[in-house]
Every structure is written in structure tokens, then in C-alpha cells.
Amino acid sequence: MTKSNKDRDLTLQIAQEPAADELLARSPLAALVGMLLDQQVPMEWAFSGPYTLAVRMGGDDLDAHEIAAYDPEAFVELFTTKPALHRYPGSMAKRVQQLCQYLVAEYDGDASAVWSDVSTGAELRKRLNALPGFGTQKAQIFLALLGKQFGVRPTGWREAAGPYGEAGSYRSVADITGPESLAEVRAYKQQAKQAARTVKRPVDK
């Protein structure tokens, strides 16, 4: 049986900032938005974004209906106001709004409905992959995050999450539970980038 954030007493240390992590723990939408923002910026920056956005919108939570209906130009301004919410605030503001519009259309604005009634990991990955801004890798990482830290564990969830679902790994945000594991994940990412660069270099003959 799956549970939403609201049904669990969670303590997260992803954003490395108490107020931001508290919002991620209780708001399924905040967790999804954080995952969406997690590209080309440090993980802490991405996952603190939902809290900063909530504050700028005048509250302490995020509402998909409100974001979906927000004036697009004004919403972009919420992202671009310094300090910006992302390295590419304009494009990411549009993606967040598209995500919320999709959630309103498909799930009546309830982000937790994406996973609350799934029975298999494969179905959950399919649903996540269908979200605007979520490719296969992002869907697998978020699936792993749900399983490892939010207790959302439909049958076959680790397999559906691919390598990110492996127990004891330090591959992604799914494995961050504090400063030490954050350092482990960052080191893994740096090694992966270095390996990718090495592969791309021409071989001397």
C-alpha cells in the first residue's frame, strides 16, 4: 500500500535547509517540483526552490491549481527575482507551470495521486515519465526517492528505478539523507562525468 507525504512523519535532509526540507517532506507537489528543477544546478539549490517559490507566492505550501492558473509572465518573474530559483529561471518557470497544468488536468491537482494507487513499479515509472519535464532518468530517480525515503514501494519498484533503486548506492538525490551522503552522491556524479569525458576522448594510435 502506498502513502503520500501527508500520511508519514518524514525527516528529510535533501535541501540541507530545515524549512525547505520540511516542505519537501509534507508536500508531494514540492517534491515533484524539486525533482523537476534538479538539473544543471546543485541539488540543494534545486530542492530548496519549492520553498522559495512558496514564500514568494505568499504562503508556506504550493498549490497546483494556483500555479497552473498563474499569469505566465508574473510566474516567470517569481523565478527570475534575485536570487533566481534556477540557473535558467525563465525556462524552468514555464516547465513548473506546465507540470502543474498537467497535474490539474490528469490528477485534479493532487500530486500524490500520481503514485497513491499504483500497484507496480513499472506503472509508476510510466506515470512519472509522462509528467512534463520528466525523462526516463528523472522518472527513475524520483521513483527511487519515493521508494527509499517516502515509503512508496509498489511491487518491483527497485527494478523500475533501475540502478537508482539499488540499496546502499550513492547515485542520486534518492540516497541523500544528510551531509555525508550528499558528499558521497556528489563524488559519484563527478566520477561519472569524468568517466564520460574519458570515453569521448579520441584514442591515440
N, C-alpha and C. Protein backbone atom coordinates (compact mmCIF):
# COMPACT_ATOMS: atom_id res chain seq x y z
N MET A 1 0.85 -1.20 0.00
CA MET A 1 0.00 0.00 0.00
C MET A 1 0.88 1.25 0.00
N THR A 2 0.59 2.16 -0.88
CA THR A 2 1.40 3.37 -0.96
C THR A 2 0.80 4.47 -0.10
N LYS A 3 1.65 5.40 0.28
CA LYS A 3 1.20 6.51 1.12
C LYS A 3 1.76 7.81 0.58
N SER A 4 1.01 8.89 0.76
CA SER A 4 1.51 10.19 0.36
C SER A 4 2.34 10.76 1.49
N ASN A 5 3.04 11.85 1.21
CA ASN A 5 3.85 12.51 2.22
C ASN A 5 3.03 12.85 3.45
N LYS A 6 1.78 13.23 3.25
CA LYS A 6 0.95 13.70 4.35
C LYS A 6 0.66 12.60 5.36
N ASP A 7 0.79 11.33 4.94
CA ASP A 7 0.46 10.22 5.81
C ASP A 7 1.65 9.73 6.61
N ARG A 8 2.81 10.32 6.41
CA ARG A 8 4.01 9.82 7.05
C ARG A 8 4.74 10.93 7.80
N ASP A 9 5.40 10.55 8.88
CA ASP A 9 6.19 11.50 9.64
C ASP A 9 7.61 11.44 9.09
N LEU A 10 7.93 12.33 8.17
CA LEU A 10 9.20 12.27 7.46
C LEU A 10 10.17 13.34 7.94
N THR A 11 11.43 12.98 7.90
CA THR A 11 12.50 13.95 8.12
C THR A 11 13.46 13.82 6.95
N LEU A 12 13.56 14.87 6.17
CA LEU A 12 14.44 14.86 5.01
C LEU A 12 15.61 15.81 5.21
N GLN A 13 16.72 15.51 4.52
CA GLN A 13 17.88 16.40 4.53
C GLN A 13 18.43 16.50 3.12
N ILE A 14 17.55 16.85 2.20
CA ILE A 14 17.94 16.95 0.79
C ILE A 14 18.39 18.36 0.46
N ALA A 15 17.56 19.34 0.81
CA ALA A 15 17.89 20.74 0.54
C ALA A 15 18.95 21.27 1.49
N GLN A 16 19.17 20.56 2.59
CA GLN A 16 20.13 20.98 3.62
C GLN A 16 19.72 22.30 4.26
N GLU A 17 18.43 22.55 4.26
CA GLU A 17 17.87 23.75 4.89
C GLU A 17 16.55 23.32 5.52
N PRO A 18 16.42 23.43 6.85
CA PRO A 18 15.28 22.86 7.56
C PRO A 18 13.90 23.21 7.01
N ALA A 19 13.64 24.48 6.74
CA ALA A 19 12.31 24.87 6.26
C ALA A 19 12.02 24.28 4.89
N ALA A 20 13.04 24.27 4.02
CA ALA A 20 12.86 23.72 2.68
C ALA A 20 12.65 22.21 2.75
N ASP A 21 13.41 21.53 3.59
CA ASP A 21 13.25 20.08 3.73
C ASP A 21 11.91 19.72 4.36
N GLU A 22 11.45 20.54 5.27
CA GLU A 22 10.15 20.28 5.90
C GLU A 22 9.03 20.35 4.87
N LEU A 23 9.13 21.32 3.95
CA LEU A 23 8.12 21.43 2.91
C LEU A 23 8.18 20.22 1.97
N LEU A 24 9.37 19.80 1.60
CA LEU A 24 9.51 18.62 0.75
C LEU A 24 8.89 17.39 1.39
N ALA A 25 9.03 17.28 2.71
CA ALA A 25 8.54 16.11 3.42
C ALA A 25 7.02 16.05 3.49
N ARG A 26 6.37 17.21 3.51
CA ARG A 26 4.91 17.20 3.66
C ARG A 26 4.15 17.52 2.38
N SER A 27 4.83 17.98 1.36
CA SER A 27 4.14 18.37 0.14
C SER A 27 4.59 17.55 -1.06
N PRO A 28 3.74 16.64 -1.55
CA PRO A 28 4.09 15.88 -2.75
C PRO A 28 4.41 16.77 -3.93
N LEU A 29 3.70 17.88 -4.08
CA LEU A 29 3.96 18.78 -5.20
C LEU A 29 5.34 19.41 -5.08
N ALA A 30 5.72 19.81 -3.88
CA ALA A 30 7.05 20.39 -3.67
C ALA A 30 8.14 19.40 -4.05
N ALA A 31 7.94 18.13 -3.70
CA ALA A 31 8.93 17.11 -4.03
C ALA A 31 9.04 16.96 -5.55
N LEU A 32 7.92 16.97 -6.25
CA LEU A 32 7.94 16.86 -7.71
C LEU A 32 8.61 18.08 -8.35
N VAL A 33 8.29 19.26 -7.84
CA VAL A 33 8.89 20.48 -8.39
C VAL A 33 10.40 20.47 -8.14
N GLY A 34 10.82 20.05 -6.96
CA GLY A 34 12.24 19.97 -6.67
C GLY A 34 12.96 19.04 -7.64
N MET A 35 12.33 17.89 -7.91
CA MET A 35 12.91 16.95 -8.85
C MET A 35 12.99 17.54 -10.25
N LEU A 36 11.96 18.29 -10.63
CA LEU A 36 11.95 18.94 -11.94
C LEU A 36 13.09 19.94 -12.07
N LEU A 37 13.35 20.67 -11.00
CA LEU A 37 14.39 21.70 -11.02
C LEU A 37 15.80 21.11 -10.93
N ASP A 38 15.89 19.83 -10.59
CA ASP A 38 17.19 19.21 -10.34
C ASP A 38 17.90 18.86 -11.65
N GLN A 39 18.40 19.87 -12.31
CA GLN A 39 19.23 19.69 -13.49
C GLN A 39 20.07 20.94 -13.73
N GLN A 40 21.35 20.73 -13.93
CA GLN A 40 22.30 21.81 -14.21
C GLN A 40 22.44 22.81 -13.07
N VAL A 41 22.05 22.43 -11.88
CA VAL A 41 22.28 23.23 -10.68
C VAL A 41 22.58 22.26 -9.53
N PRO A 42 23.24 22.73 -8.47
CA PRO A 42 23.46 21.87 -7.31
C PRO A 42 22.13 21.35 -6.76
N MET A 43 22.15 20.13 -6.25
CA MET A 43 20.92 19.51 -5.75
C MET A 43 20.24 20.32 -4.66
N GLU A 44 21.06 20.90 -3.76
CA GLU A 44 20.47 21.70 -2.68
C GLU A 44 19.72 22.91 -3.23
N TRP A 45 20.26 23.50 -4.26
CA TRP A 45 19.62 24.67 -4.88
C TRP A 45 18.28 24.26 -5.49
N ALA A 46 18.29 23.15 -6.21
CA ALA A 46 17.07 22.68 -6.85
C ALA A 46 15.97 22.38 -5.83
N PHE A 47 16.32 21.66 -4.78
CA PHE A 47 15.29 21.20 -3.84
C PHE A 47 14.92 22.25 -2.79
N SER A 48 15.66 23.35 -2.74
CA SER A 48 15.22 24.47 -1.90
C SER A 48 14.29 25.38 -2.68
N GLY A 49 14.27 25.20 -4.02
CA GLY A 49 13.44 26.03 -4.88
C GLY A 49 11.96 26.04 -4.54
N PRO A 50 11.34 24.87 -4.25
CA PRO A 50 9.91 24.87 -3.93
C PRO A 50 9.58 25.74 -2.72
N TYR A 51 10.44 25.73 -1.71
CA TYR A 51 10.17 26.56 -0.52
C TYR A 51 10.28 28.04 -0.87
N THR A 52 11.33 28.41 -1.62
CA THR A 52 11.49 29.80 -2.02
C THR A 52 10.31 30.25 -2.85
N LEU A 53 9.84 29.39 -3.74
CA LEU A 53 8.68 29.71 -4.58
C LEU A 53 7.44 29.90 -3.72
N ALA A 54 7.23 29.03 -2.75
CA ALA A 54 6.06 29.14 -1.88
C ALA A 54 6.07 30.47 -1.13
N VAL A 55 7.23 30.85 -0.62
CA VAL A 55 7.35 32.11 0.11
C VAL A 55 7.05 33.29 -0.82
N ARG A 56 7.57 33.24 -2.03
CA ARG A 56 7.34 34.34 -2.97
C ARG A 56 5.88 34.42 -3.42
N MET A 57 5.18 33.30 -3.32
CA MET A 57 3.76 33.30 -3.67
C MET A 57 2.89 33.67 -2.47
N GLY A 58 3.56 33.95 -1.34
CA GLY A 58 2.84 34.44 -0.17
C GLY A 58 2.30 33.38 0.76
N GLY A 59 2.84 32.17 0.70
CA GLY A 59 2.33 31.11 1.56
C GLY A 59 3.44 30.22 2.07
N ASP A 60 3.05 29.05 2.59
CA ASP A 60 4.02 28.09 3.09
C ASP A 60 3.84 26.74 2.44
N ASP A 61 3.13 26.71 1.31
CA ASP A 61 2.90 25.47 0.58
C ASP A 61 2.70 25.82 -0.89
N LEU A 62 2.68 24.81 -1.74
CA LEU A 62 2.43 25.00 -3.15
C LEU A 62 1.10 24.36 -3.53
N ASP A 63 0.37 25.02 -4.43
CA ASP A 63 -0.91 24.52 -4.89
C ASP A 63 -0.90 24.43 -6.41
N ALA A 64 -1.13 23.24 -6.95
CA ALA A 64 -1.06 23.05 -8.39
C ALA A 64 -2.08 23.89 -9.14
N HIS A 65 -3.28 24.02 -8.58
CA HIS A 65 -4.31 24.82 -9.24
C HIS A 65 -3.88 26.28 -9.34
N GLU A 66 -3.31 26.81 -8.25
CA GLU A 66 -2.88 28.20 -8.23
C GLU A 66 -1.75 28.44 -9.24
N ILE A 67 -0.78 27.53 -9.25
CA ILE A 67 0.34 27.69 -10.18
C ILE A 67 -0.11 27.55 -11.62
N ALA A 68 -0.99 26.60 -11.88
CA ALA A 68 -1.46 26.38 -13.24
C ALA A 68 -2.18 27.60 -13.80
N ALA A 69 -2.89 28.31 -12.94
CA ALA A 69 -3.68 29.46 -13.38
C ALA A 69 -2.94 30.79 -13.28
N TYR A 70 -1.71 30.75 -12.76
CA TYR A 70 -0.94 31.98 -12.53
C TYR A 70 -0.61 32.65 -13.86
N ASP A 71 -0.60 33.97 -13.87
CA ASP A 71 -0.20 34.70 -15.07
C ASP A 71 1.22 34.29 -15.44
N PRO A 72 1.44 33.78 -16.65
CA PRO A 72 2.75 33.26 -17.04
C PRO A 72 3.91 34.25 -16.85
N GLU A 73 3.71 35.50 -17.23
CA GLU A 73 4.78 36.48 -17.09
C GLU A 73 5.10 36.75 -15.62
N ALA A 74 4.06 36.83 -14.82
CA ALA A 74 4.25 37.07 -13.39
C ALA A 74 4.93 35.86 -12.74
N PHE A 75 4.60 34.68 -13.23
CA PHE A 75 5.20 33.47 -12.67
C PHE A 75 6.69 33.41 -13.00
N VAL A 76 7.04 33.80 -14.21
CA VAL A 76 8.45 33.84 -14.59
C VAL A 76 9.19 34.83 -13.69
N GLU A 77 8.54 35.93 -13.36
CA GLU A 77 9.17 36.92 -12.50
C GLU A 77 9.47 36.36 -11.11
N LEU A 78 8.61 35.46 -10.63
CA LEU A 78 8.87 34.82 -9.33
C LEU A 78 10.17 34.03 -9.37
N PHE A 79 10.48 33.48 -10.53
CA PHE A 79 11.70 32.69 -10.69
C PHE A 79 12.93 33.55 -10.94
N THR A 80 12.75 34.64 -11.64
CA THR A 80 13.90 35.46 -12.03
C THR A 80 14.32 36.47 -10.96
N THR A 81 13.41 36.79 -10.03
CA THR A 81 13.76 37.72 -8.95
C THR A 81 14.99 37.19 -8.21
N LYS A 82 15.95 38.06 -7.99
CA LYS A 82 17.19 37.63 -7.33
C LYS A 82 16.96 37.38 -5.84
N PRO A 83 17.55 36.30 -5.31
CA PRO A 83 18.32 35.29 -6.02
C PRO A 83 17.40 34.39 -6.85
N ALA A 84 17.78 34.14 -8.09
CA ALA A 84 16.97 33.35 -9.00
C ALA A 84 16.78 31.93 -8.48
N LEU A 85 15.66 31.33 -8.85
CA LEU A 85 15.36 29.98 -8.39
C LEU A 85 16.13 28.91 -9.15
N HIS A 86 16.74 29.30 -10.28
CA HIS A 86 17.45 28.31 -11.09
C HIS A 86 18.43 29.04 -12.00
N ARG A 87 19.37 28.31 -12.52
CA ARG A 87 20.31 28.89 -13.48
C ARG A 87 19.59 29.36 -14.73
N TYR A 88 18.51 28.67 -15.08
CA TYR A 88 17.68 29.05 -16.22
C TYR A 88 16.26 29.32 -15.74
N PRO A 89 16.07 30.41 -15.02
CA PRO A 89 14.79 30.66 -14.34
C PRO A 89 13.59 30.79 -15.27
N GLY A 90 13.77 31.41 -16.42
CA GLY A 90 12.65 31.59 -17.33
C GLY A 90 12.10 30.28 -17.85
N SER A 91 12.98 29.44 -18.37
CA SER A 91 12.53 28.17 -18.94
C SER A 91 12.01 27.22 -17.86
N MET A 92 12.63 27.26 -16.67
CA MET A 92 12.18 26.36 -15.61
C MET A 92 10.84 26.81 -15.04
N ALA A 93 10.59 28.11 -15.02
CA ALA A 93 9.28 28.59 -14.58
C ALA A 93 8.19 28.04 -15.49
N LYS A 94 8.45 28.05 -16.79
CA LYS A 94 7.48 27.52 -17.75
C LYS A 94 7.26 26.03 -17.54
N ARG A 95 8.34 25.30 -17.26
CA ARG A 95 8.21 23.86 -17.05
C ARG A 95 7.42 23.54 -15.79
N VAL A 96 7.66 24.30 -14.73
CA VAL A 96 6.91 24.08 -13.49
C VAL A 96 5.43 24.36 -13.72
N GLN A 97 5.13 25.41 -14.44
CA GLN A 97 3.73 25.72 -14.72
C GLN A 97 3.09 24.64 -15.60
N GLN A 98 3.83 24.14 -16.57
CA GLN A 98 3.32 23.06 -17.42
C GLN A 98 3.07 21.80 -16.60
N LEU A 99 3.97 21.51 -15.66
CA LEU A 99 3.79 20.36 -14.79
C LEU A 99 2.50 20.48 -13.99
N CYS A 100 2.27 21.66 -13.42
CA CYS A 100 1.07 21.86 -12.61
C CYS A 100 -0.19 21.82 -13.46
N GLN A 101 -0.12 22.34 -14.66
CA GLN A 101 -1.28 22.28 -15.55
C GLN A 101 -1.61 20.83 -15.90
N TYR A 102 -0.59 20.02 -16.07
CA TYR A 102 -0.79 18.60 -16.35
C TYR A 102 -1.42 17.91 -15.13
N LEU A 103 -0.92 18.22 -13.94
CA LEU A 103 -1.45 17.61 -12.72
C LEU A 103 -2.92 18.00 -12.51
N VAL A 104 -3.26 19.22 -12.84
CA VAL A 104 -4.66 19.66 -12.72
C VAL A 104 -5.53 18.89 -13.71
N ALA A 105 -5.05 18.75 -14.93
CA ALA A 105 -5.83 18.09 -15.97
C ALA A 105 -5.98 16.59 -15.73
N GLU A 106 -4.91 15.95 -15.25
CA GLU A 106 -4.91 14.49 -15.13
C GLU A 106 -5.20 13.97 -13.73
N TYR A 107 -4.87 14.77 -12.70
CA TYR A 107 -5.00 14.29 -11.33
C TYR A 107 -5.73 15.26 -10.41
N ASP A 108 -6.50 16.17 -11.00
CA ASP A 108 -7.24 17.17 -10.23
C ASP A 108 -6.33 17.96 -9.30
N GLY A 109 -5.09 18.15 -9.73
CA GLY A 109 -4.15 18.96 -8.96
C GLY A 109 -3.49 18.26 -7.78
N ASP A 110 -3.78 16.98 -7.59
CA ASP A 110 -3.22 16.24 -6.45
C ASP A 110 -1.97 15.49 -6.89
N ALA A 111 -0.81 16.02 -6.55
CA ALA A 111 0.45 15.40 -6.98
C ALA A 111 0.60 13.98 -6.45
N SER A 112 0.14 13.73 -5.23
CA SER A 112 0.30 12.39 -4.66
C SER A 112 -0.51 11.34 -5.40
N ALA A 113 -1.51 11.77 -6.16
CA ALA A 113 -2.33 10.83 -6.93
C ALA A 113 -1.52 10.17 -8.04
N VAL A 114 -0.38 10.74 -8.36
CA VAL A 114 0.48 10.13 -9.37
C VAL A 114 0.93 8.75 -8.90
N TRP A 115 1.12 8.60 -7.59
CA TRP A 115 1.63 7.33 -7.07
C TRP A 115 0.74 6.66 -6.02
N SER A 116 -0.28 7.31 -5.55
CA SER A 116 -1.03 6.77 -4.41
C SER A 116 -1.77 5.47 -4.68
N ASP A 117 -2.13 5.19 -5.94
CA ASP A 117 -2.91 3.99 -6.22
C ASP A 117 -2.23 3.02 -7.18
N VAL A 118 -0.92 3.21 -7.41
CA VAL A 118 -0.24 2.30 -8.33
C VAL A 118 0.07 0.97 -7.64
N SER A 119 0.09 -0.09 -8.40
CA SER A 119 0.36 -1.41 -7.83
C SER A 119 1.71 -1.97 -8.25
N THR A 120 2.30 -1.40 -9.30
CA THR A 120 3.61 -1.88 -9.76
C THR A 120 4.57 -0.73 -10.01
N GLY A 121 5.84 -1.04 -9.89
CA GLY A 121 6.85 -0.03 -10.17
C GLY A 121 6.85 0.40 -11.62
N ALA A 122 6.55 -0.53 -12.50
CA ALA A 122 6.52 -0.22 -13.93
C ALA A 122 5.44 0.81 -14.24
N GLU A 123 4.29 0.66 -13.61
CA GLU A 123 3.20 1.62 -13.83
C GLU A 123 3.58 2.99 -13.27
N LEU A 124 4.23 3.01 -12.12
CA LEU A 124 4.64 4.28 -11.52
C LEU A 124 5.67 4.98 -12.41
N ARG A 125 6.62 4.22 -12.94
CA ARG A 125 7.61 4.83 -13.83
C ARG A 125 6.94 5.40 -15.08
N LYS A 126 5.95 4.70 -15.59
CA LYS A 126 5.21 5.17 -16.76
C LYS A 126 4.51 6.48 -16.46
N ARG A 127 3.89 6.57 -15.28
CA ARG A 127 3.18 7.80 -14.90
C ARG A 127 4.16 8.96 -14.72
N LEU A 128 5.28 8.68 -14.06
CA LEU A 128 6.27 9.74 -13.84
C LEU A 128 6.88 10.19 -15.16
N ASN A 129 7.14 9.25 -16.05
CA ASN A 129 7.73 9.56 -17.34
C ASN A 129 6.81 10.44 -18.20
N ALA A 130 5.51 10.36 -17.91
CA ALA A 130 4.53 11.14 -18.67
C ALA A 130 4.44 12.59 -18.19
N LEU A 131 5.02 12.88 -17.03
CA LEU A 131 4.96 14.24 -16.49
C LEU A 131 5.82 15.17 -17.33
N PRO A 132 5.35 16.39 -17.60
CA PRO A 132 6.16 17.36 -18.35
C PRO A 132 7.50 17.60 -17.66
N GLY A 133 8.57 17.51 -18.43
CA GLY A 133 9.89 17.74 -17.88
C GLY A 133 10.56 16.53 -17.27
N PHE A 134 9.85 15.38 -17.26
CA PHE A 134 10.41 14.16 -16.67
C PHE A 134 10.76 13.16 -17.77
N GLY A 135 12.06 13.02 -18.04
CA GLY A 135 12.50 11.99 -18.95
C GLY A 135 12.66 10.68 -18.19
N THR A 136 13.20 9.68 -18.85
CA THR A 136 13.35 8.36 -18.22
C THR A 136 14.23 8.41 -16.98
N GLN A 137 15.38 9.07 -17.08
CA GLN A 137 16.30 9.12 -15.95
C GLN A 137 15.68 9.85 -14.76
N LYS A 138 15.06 10.98 -15.00
CA LYS A 138 14.45 11.75 -13.92
C LYS A 138 13.31 10.96 -13.28
N ALA A 139 12.55 10.25 -14.11
CA ALA A 139 11.46 9.43 -13.59
C ALA A 139 12.00 8.32 -12.69
N GLN A 140 13.10 7.70 -13.11
CA GLN A 140 13.69 6.63 -12.31
C GLN A 140 14.27 7.15 -10.99
N ILE A 141 14.91 8.31 -11.04
CA ILE A 141 15.47 8.88 -9.82
C ILE A 141 14.36 9.23 -8.83
N PHE A 142 13.28 9.84 -9.33
CA PHE A 142 12.20 10.21 -8.42
C PHE A 142 11.50 8.96 -7.89
N LEU A 143 11.39 7.93 -8.71
CA LEU A 143 10.81 6.68 -8.25
C LEU A 143 11.66 6.10 -7.12
N ALA A 144 12.97 6.17 -7.28
CA ALA A 144 13.88 5.69 -6.23
C ALA A 144 13.73 6.53 -4.97
N LEU A 145 13.58 7.85 -5.13
CA LEU A 145 13.38 8.73 -3.99
C LEU A 145 12.10 8.37 -3.24
N LEU A 146 11.04 8.12 -3.98
CA LEU A 146 9.77 7.73 -3.36
C LEU A 146 9.92 6.43 -2.57
N GLY A 147 10.63 5.47 -3.16
CA GLY A 147 10.78 4.19 -2.50
C GLY A 147 11.70 4.22 -1.30
N LYS A 148 12.82 4.91 -1.45
CA LYS A 148 13.83 4.90 -0.39
C LYS A 148 13.50 5.82 0.77
N GLN A 149 12.83 6.96 0.50
CA GLN A 149 12.64 7.91 1.59
C GLN A 149 11.17 8.23 1.90
N PHE A 150 10.26 7.98 0.97
CA PHE A 150 8.85 8.29 1.21
C PHE A 150 7.99 7.05 1.47
N GLY A 151 8.58 5.88 1.39
CA GLY A 151 7.84 4.67 1.68
C GLY A 151 6.85 4.26 0.60
N VAL A 152 6.99 4.80 -0.60
CA VAL A 152 6.12 4.43 -1.72
C VAL A 152 6.82 3.28 -2.45
N ARG A 153 6.35 2.06 -2.20
CA ARG A 153 7.08 0.88 -2.68
C ARG A 153 6.17 -0.15 -3.34
N PRO A 154 5.62 0.18 -4.50
CA PRO A 154 4.81 -0.81 -5.22
C PRO A 154 5.69 -1.97 -5.67
N THR A 155 5.09 -3.06 -5.99
CA THR A 155 5.82 -4.24 -6.42
C THR A 155 6.78 -3.93 -7.57
N GLY A 156 8.03 -4.32 -7.39
CA GLY A 156 9.02 -4.11 -8.45
C GLY A 156 9.56 -2.69 -8.54
N TRP A 157 9.44 -1.92 -7.47
CA TRP A 157 9.86 -0.52 -7.56
C TRP A 157 11.36 -0.37 -7.76
N ARG A 158 12.15 -1.22 -7.11
CA ARG A 158 13.61 -1.10 -7.28
C ARG A 158 14.02 -1.40 -8.72
N GLU A 159 13.43 -2.43 -9.30
CA GLU A 159 13.74 -2.76 -10.68
C GLU A 159 13.32 -1.64 -11.63
N ALA A 160 12.16 -1.06 -11.38
CA ALA A 160 11.66 0.02 -12.23
C ALA A 160 12.54 1.26 -12.12
N ALA A 161 13.16 1.46 -10.96
CA ALA A 161 14.04 2.61 -10.76
C ALA A 161 15.42 2.40 -11.35
N GLY A 162 15.68 1.21 -11.86
CA GLY A 162 16.98 0.93 -12.47
C GLY A 162 18.10 0.99 -11.43
N PRO A 163 19.28 1.44 -11.82
CA PRO A 163 20.40 1.50 -10.89
C PRO A 163 20.16 2.42 -9.69
N TYR A 164 19.27 3.38 -9.86
CA TYR A 164 18.98 4.32 -8.76
C TYR A 164 18.22 3.65 -7.62
N GLY A 165 17.63 2.51 -7.89
CA GLY A 165 16.87 1.80 -6.86
C GLY A 165 17.72 0.87 -6.03
N GLU A 166 18.98 0.68 -6.39
CA GLU A 166 19.85 -0.24 -5.68
C GLU A 166 20.04 0.18 -4.22
N ALA A 167 19.94 -0.77 -3.33
CA ALA A 167 20.14 -0.49 -1.90
C ALA A 167 21.61 -0.20 -1.65
N GLY A 168 21.88 0.77 -0.79
CA GLY A 168 23.25 1.10 -0.42
C GLY A 168 24.03 1.88 -1.44
N SER A 169 23.35 2.36 -2.48
CA SER A 169 24.05 3.13 -3.52
C SER A 169 24.07 4.61 -3.17
N TYR A 170 24.93 5.34 -3.84
CA TYR A 170 25.02 6.80 -3.67
C TYR A 170 25.05 7.43 -5.05
N ARG A 171 23.97 7.25 -5.80
CA ARG A 171 23.93 7.69 -7.18
C ARG A 171 23.16 8.99 -7.40
N SER A 172 22.19 9.29 -6.52
CA SER A 172 21.29 10.39 -6.81
C SER A 172 20.72 10.99 -5.54
N VAL A 173 19.83 11.96 -5.74
CA VAL A 173 19.17 12.61 -4.61
C VAL A 173 18.39 11.61 -3.77
N ALA A 174 18.01 10.49 -4.36
CA ALA A 174 17.28 9.46 -3.62
C ALA A 174 18.08 8.92 -2.45
N ASP A 175 19.40 9.06 -2.52
CA ASP A 175 20.29 8.50 -1.50
C ASP A 175 20.79 9.53 -0.49
N ILE A 176 20.32 10.77 -0.60
CA ILE A 176 20.80 11.83 0.30
C ILE A 176 19.98 11.85 1.59
N THR A 177 20.65 11.56 2.69
CA THR A 177 19.99 11.58 4.00
C THR A 177 20.72 12.50 4.98
N GLY A 178 21.71 13.22 4.48
CA GLY A 178 22.48 14.13 5.33
C GLY A 178 23.72 14.60 4.61
N PRO A 179 24.53 15.42 5.26
CA PRO A 179 25.73 15.98 4.63
C PRO A 179 26.71 14.93 4.11
N GLU A 180 26.90 13.84 4.86
CA GLU A 180 27.86 12.82 4.43
C GLU A 180 27.40 12.12 3.15
N SER A 181 26.13 11.74 3.10
CA SER A 181 25.64 11.06 1.90
C SER A 181 25.56 12.03 0.72
N LEU A 182 25.32 13.31 0.99
CA LEU A 182 25.35 14.31 -0.07
C LEU A 182 26.74 14.35 -0.70
N ALA A 183 27.78 14.32 0.14
CA ALA A 183 29.15 14.32 -0.36
C ALA A 183 29.43 13.06 -1.17
N GLU A 184 28.89 11.92 -0.72
CA GLU A 184 29.07 10.65 -1.44
C GLU A 184 28.43 10.73 -2.83
N VAL A 185 27.21 11.25 -2.88
CA VAL A 185 26.49 11.36 -4.16
C VAL A 185 27.21 12.32 -5.08
N ARG A 186 27.69 13.43 -4.54
CA ARG A 186 28.39 14.42 -5.36
C ARG A 186 29.68 13.82 -5.93
N ALA A 187 30.38 13.04 -5.11
CA ALA A 187 31.60 12.40 -5.57
C ALA A 187 31.29 11.40 -6.69
N TYR A 188 30.21 10.65 -6.53
CA TYR A 188 29.81 9.69 -7.56
C TYR A 188 29.51 10.40 -8.88
N LYS A 189 28.78 11.51 -8.81
CA LYS A 189 28.43 12.26 -10.02
C LYS A 189 29.68 12.80 -10.71
N GLN A 190 30.63 13.26 -9.93
CA GLN A 190 31.87 13.79 -10.51
C GLN A 190 32.65 12.68 -11.20
N GLN A 191 32.68 11.50 -10.57
CA GLN A 191 33.39 10.37 -11.17
C GLN A 191 32.71 9.94 -12.47
N ALA A 192 31.37 9.96 -12.47
CA ALA A 192 30.62 9.57 -13.67
C ALA A 192 30.89 10.55 -14.80
N LYS A 193 30.95 11.85 -14.48
CA LYS A 193 31.23 12.85 -15.51
C LYS A 193 32.64 12.67 -16.06
N GLN A 194 33.58 12.40 -15.18
CA GLN A 194 34.97 12.21 -15.61
C GLN A 194 35.07 10.98 -16.51
N ALA A 195 34.37 9.92 -16.15
CA ALA A 195 34.40 8.70 -16.95
C ALA A 195 33.80 8.95 -18.33
N ALA A 196 32.73 9.74 -18.37
CA ALA A 196 32.08 10.06 -19.64
C ALA A 196 33.01 10.88 -20.53
N ARG A 197 33.74 11.81 -19.92
CA ARG A 197 34.69 12.62 -20.70
C ARG A 197 35.82 11.76 -21.25
N THR A 198 36.27 10.80 -20.46
CA THR A 198 37.35 9.91 -20.87
C THR A 198 36.93 9.07 -22.06
N VAL A 199 35.70 8.59 -22.03
CA VAL A 199 35.18 7.77 -23.13
C VAL A 199 35.10 8.56 -24.42
N LYS A 200 34.76 9.85 -24.32
CA LYS A 200 34.60 10.69 -25.50
C LYS A 200 35.93 11.10 -26.13
N ARG A 201 37.03 11.03 -25.37
CA ARG A 201 38.32 11.43 -25.92
C ARG A 201 38.77 10.45 -26.98
N PRO A 202 39.38 10.95 -28.07
CA PRO A 202 39.88 10.05 -29.11
C PRO A 202 41.03 9.20 -28.59
N VAL A 203 41.08 7.98 -29.04
CA VAL A 203 42.14 7.07 -28.60
C VAL A 203 43.37 7.30 -29.46
N ASP A 204 44.53 7.46 -28.81
CA ASP A 204 45.79 7.66 -29.53
C ASP A 204 46.19 6.39 -30.25
N LYS A 205 46.66 6.55 -31.47
CA LYS A 205 47.09 5.39 -32.25
C LYS A 205 48.61 5.39 -32.38
